[in-house]
Protein backbone atom coordinates (compact mmCIF):
# COMPACT_ATOMS: atom_id res chain seq x y z
CA MET A 1 -0.02 0.10 0.04
CA MET A 2 1.33 3.51 -0.94
CA PHE A 3 0.12 6.62 0.57
CA PHE A 4 -0.10 9.66 -1.73
CA VAL A 5 -0.64 13.09 0.17
CA HIS A 6 -1.27 16.19 -1.97
CA LEU A 7 -1.52 19.33 0.24
CA LEU A 8 -3.15 22.36 -1.34
CA PHE A 9 -1.91 25.87 -0.31
CA GLU A 10 -2.82 29.40 -1.43
CA GLU A 11 0.89 30.19 -1.85
CA LYS A 12 3.98 27.90 -3.05
CA CYS A 13 6.04 26.48 -0.22
CA GLU A 14 9.34 24.44 -0.17
CA MET A 15 9.30 20.75 -0.05
CA PRO A 16 10.13 19.58 3.11
CA GLN A 17 13.47 17.77 3.53
CA GLN A 18 13.33 13.97 3.14
CA SER A 19 14.25 13.47 6.74
CA VAL A 20 11.53 15.45 8.05
CA MET A 21 8.98 13.84 5.82
CA ASN A 22 10.19 10.32 6.88
CA GLU A 23 9.95 11.19 10.49
CA ILE A 24 6.16 12.34 10.35
CA MET A 25 5.29 9.37 8.33
CA GLU A 26 7.07 7.12 10.96
CA LYS A 27 5.18 8.93 13.68
CA HIS A 28 1.84 8.03 12.17
CA LEU A 29 2.50 4.80 10.14
CA GLY A 30 5.52 3.00 11.81
CA LYS A 31 8.52 2.16 9.97
CA THR A 32 8.38 3.45 6.47
CA GLU A 33 10.60 3.11 3.45
CA CYS A 34 10.89 6.31 1.08
CA PHE A 35 10.93 4.87 -2.36
CA SER A 36 11.01 8.40 -4.29
CA TYR A 37 11.97 11.98 -3.39
CA TYR A 38 11.57 14.71 -5.88
CA LYS A 39 11.31 18.54 -5.70
CA SER A 40 7.35 18.06 -5.98
CA SER A 41 6.50 14.68 -4.52
CA ALA A 42 7.68 11.86 -2.37
CA GLY A 43 6.59 8.40 -1.95
CA PHE A 44 6.71 6.17 1.18
CA ILE A 45 5.73 2.64 1.87
CA PRO A 46 4.74 1.60 5.47
CA GLU A 47 6.70 -1.83 6.34
CA ASN A 48 4.11 -3.00 8.91
CA TYR A 49 0.82 -1.27 8.23
CA ILE A 50 -2.29 -3.25 8.49
CA ALA A 51 -5.24 -2.13 5.64
CA HIS A 52 -8.54 -3.23 6.95
CA PHE A 53 -10.78 -4.09 4.12
CA LYS A 54 -14.33 -5.56 3.96
CA ASP A 55 -13.19 -9.22 3.42
CA ALA A 56 -9.57 -9.20 5.04
CA ASP A 57 -7.06 -7.45 6.91
CA VAL A 58 -3.73 -7.27 4.91
CA ASN A 59 -0.34 -6.15 6.07
CA THR A 60 0.86 -3.95 3.30
CA GLY A 61 4.40 -4.37 4.03
CA GLU A 62 4.34 -8.05 2.72
CA TYR A 63 3.23 -6.78 -0.49
CA ALA A 64 5.92 -4.13 -0.88
CA ALA A 65 8.62 -6.64 0.06
CA GLY A 66 7.01 -9.47 -2.39
CA LYS A 67 6.22 -11.87 0.27
CA ARG A 68 2.39 -11.90 -0.96
CA GLU A 69 0.71 -12.22 -4.41
């Protein structure tokens, strides 16, 4: 599972440093991996996040590590 966050501001702001973003993601999602970081976007995968679906609960980190199909 990947999380995309799009922030809307009236004025343009600087992209936070990767370390700052990672600290905030880990505060809310546990251990994460930053798989991309650019001047206008960043992508993070939580390593042990449980997604709750109607039919099952899924550890998204297992999908990211290729342990599940």
